[in-house]
C-alpha atoms as a PDB file:
ATOM      1  CA  MET A   1      68.400 178.667  65.924  1.00  0.00           C
ATOM      2  CA  LYS A   2      64.644 179.652  66.143  1.00  0.00           C
ATOM      3  CA  ILE A   3      63.441 178.049  63.325  1.00  0.00           C
ATOM      4  CA  LEU A   4      65.124 174.463  64.737  1.00  0.00           C
ATOM      5  CA  LYS A   5      63.992 175.124  68.243  1.00  0.00           C
ATOM      6  CA  SER A   6      60.547 175.192  67.449  1.00  0.00           C
ATOM      7  CA  VAL A   7      60.881 172.310  64.492  1.00  0.00           C
ATOM      8  CA  LEU A   8      61.909 169.915  66.317  1.00  0.00           C
ATOM      9  CA  PRO A   9      59.538 169.096  68.302  1.00  0.00           C
ATOM     10  CA  MET A  10      57.084 168.655  66.028  1.00  0.00           C
ATOM     11  CA  ALA A  11      59.947 166.438  63.893  1.00  0.00           C
ATOM     12  CA  THR A  12      60.455 164.470  67.062  1.00  0.00           C
ATOM     13  CA  LEU A  13      56.607 164.085  66.949  1.00  0.00           C
ATOM     14  CA  LEU A  14      55.911 162.939  63.855  1.00  0.00           C
ATOM     15  CA  LEU A  15      58.673 159.950  63.949  1.00  0.00           C
ATOM     16  CA  ALA A  16      57.672 158.460  66.407  1.00  0.00           C
ATOM     17  CA  VAL A  17      53.658 158.311  64.953  1.00  0.00           C
ATOM     18  CA  PHE A  18      54.897 157.450  61.784  1.00  0.00           C
ATOM     19  CA  GLY A  19      56.342 154.441  63.365  1.00  0.00           C
ATOM     20  CA  ALA A  20      54.103 153.522  65.907  1.00  0.00           C
ATOM     21  CA  PHE A  21      51.942 152.261  62.600  1.00  0.00           C
ATOM     22  CA  ALA A  22      54.773 151.449  60.303  1.00  0.00           C
ATOM     23  CA  PHE A  23      55.980 148.790  62.756  1.00  0.00           C
ATOM     24  CA  ASN A  24      53.018 146.926  63.275  1.00  0.00           C
ATOM     25  CA  GLU A  25      51.805 143.970  62.245  1.00  0.00           C
ATOM     26  CA  ALA A  26      49.264 143.772  59.161  1.00  0.00           C
ATOM     27  CA  PRO A  27      46.294 141.785  60.094  1.00  0.00           C
ATOM     28  CA  LYS A  28      45.526 138.574  58.399  1.00  0.00           C
ATOM     29  CA  ASP A  29      44.057 138.297  55.796  1.00  0.00           C
ATOM     30  CA  SER A  30      40.787 136.024  57.063  1.00  0.00           C
ATOM     31  CA  SER A  31      39.193 135.788  53.432  1.00  0.00           C
ATOM     32  CA  MET A  32      41.893 133.437  53.049  1.00  0.00           C
ATOM     33  CA  ASN A  33      41.323 131.421  55.954  1.00  0.00           C
ATOM     34  CA  VAL A  34      37.833 129.806  55.782  1.00  0.00           C
ATOM     35  CA  ASP A  35      35.879 126.316  57.125  1.00  0.00           C
ATOM     36  CA  MET A  36      34.372 124.974  54.127  1.00  0.00           C
ATOM     37  CA  ILE A  37      33.383 121.693  53.131  1.00  0.00           C
ATOM     38  CA  GLY A  38      35.547 119.146  51.617  1.00  0.00           C
ATOM     39  CA  VAL A  39      35.472 117.105  48.487  1.00  0.00           C
ATOM     40  CA  VAL A  40      36.185 113.867  47.577  1.00  0.00           C
ATOM     41  CA  PRO A  41      39.688 113.795  45.028  1.00  0.00           C
ATOM     42  CA  GLY A  42      39.069 112.521  41.503  1.00  0.00           C
ATOM     43  CA  ALA A  43      35.087 112.905  41.192  1.00  0.00           C
ATOM     44  CA  CYS A  44      35.463 115.891  43.296  1.00  0.00           C
ATOM     45  CA  GLU A  45      32.377 115.170  44.902  1.00  0.00           C
ATOM     46  CA  GLU A  46      30.663 116.959  48.252  1.00  0.00           C
ATOM     47  CA  SER A  47      31.745 115.301  52.105  1.00  0.00           C
ATOM     48  CA  SER A  48      29.652 115.767  55.237  1.00  0.00           C
ATOM     49  CA  THR A  49      33.497 116.970  56.608  1.00  0.00           C
ATOM     50  CA  VAL A  50      33.865 120.272  57.297  1.00  0.00           C
ATOM     51  CA  CYS A  51      37.614 121.627  56.597  1.00  0.00           C
ATOM     52  CA  SER A  52      40.023 124.695  57.089  1.00  0.00           C
ATOM     53  CA  THR A  53      42.013 126.404  54.939  1.00  0.00           C
ATOM     54  CA  ILE A  54      44.249 126.830  58.219  1.00  0.00           C
ATOM     55  CA  PHE A  55      47.615 124.929  57.380  1.00  0.00           C
ATOM     56  CA  ASP A  56      47.909 122.091  60.471  1.00  0.00           C
ATOM     57  CA  VAL A  57      50.052 118.430  60.326  1.00  0.00           C
ATOM     58  CA  GLN A  58      46.937 117.037  59.746  1.00  0.00           C
ATOM     59  CA  LYS A  59      44.831 116.656  56.798  1.00  0.00           C
ATOM     60  CA  CYS A  60      40.663 116.326  56.744  1.00  0.00           C
ATOM     61  CA  GLN A  61      39.665 113.033  55.973  1.00  0.00           C
ATOM     62  CA  GLU A  62      36.854 111.476  55.683  1.00  0.00           C
ATOM     63  CA  SER A  63      36.190 107.568  56.435  1.00  0.00           C
ATOM     64  CA  GLY A  64      40.238 107.385  56.219  1.00  0.00           C
ATOM     65  CA  GLN A  65      39.556 109.585  52.906  1.00  0.00           C
ATOM     66  CA  LEU A  66      41.873 112.768  52.433  1.00  0.00           C
ATOM     67  CA  LEU A  67      39.467 115.893  51.449  1.00  0.00           C
ATOM     68  CA  TYR A  68      40.535 118.819  48.838  1.00  0.00           C
ATOM     69  CA  ARG A  69      39.062 121.514  48.599  1.00  0.00           C
ATOM     70  CA  LEU A  70      37.368 122.730  45.072  1.00  0.00           C
ATOM     71  CA  ASN A  71      38.821 125.424  42.906  1.00  0.00           C
ATOM     72  CA  ALA A  72      36.379 128.578  41.464  1.00  0.00           C
ATOM     73  CA  ALA A  73      36.094 127.104  38.058  1.00  0.00           C
ATOM     74  CA  GLY A  74      34.501 123.971  40.210  1.00  0.00           C
ATOM     75  CA  THR A  75      36.388 121.635  37.559  1.00  0.00           C
ATOM     76  CA  ALA A  76      39.171 120.267  39.621  1.00  0.00           C
ATOM     77  CA  CYS A  77      39.946 119.559  43.437  1.00  0.00           C
ATOM     78  CA  PRO A  78      43.890 120.141  43.569  1.00  0.00           C
ATOM     79  CA  GLU A  79      44.608 121.889  47.104  1.00  0.00           C
ATOM     80  CA  PRO A  80      44.169 119.855  50.508  1.00  0.00           C
ATOM     81  CA  LEU A  81      42.299 120.810  53.523  1.00  0.00           C
ATOM     82  CA  TYR A  82      43.699 120.764  56.952  1.00  0.00           C
ATOM     83  CA  ARG A  83      41.822 118.915  60.290  1.00  0.00           C
ATOM     84  CA  LYS A  84      38.972 121.912  61.622  1.00  0.00           C
ATOM     85  CA  HIS A  85      39.954 122.417  65.199  1.00  0.00           C
END
């Protein structure tokens, strides 16, 4: 019984500390949400408009043309970009 009385407060403290860290929301990956220059589809030519990768109902446009994100290889522009706020 003596062991239980000395271990119980320590176990309660450890459970509280674990709970505080285990249930916090993880920080969002900021590398996925960046501002970038949009490209015009087709030839994937750079525009002068800065767009965002953060989802928005309004897509990024320049002169009525939707802008896209150039892929890592620089060969295609499949991902739409969104209006920067």
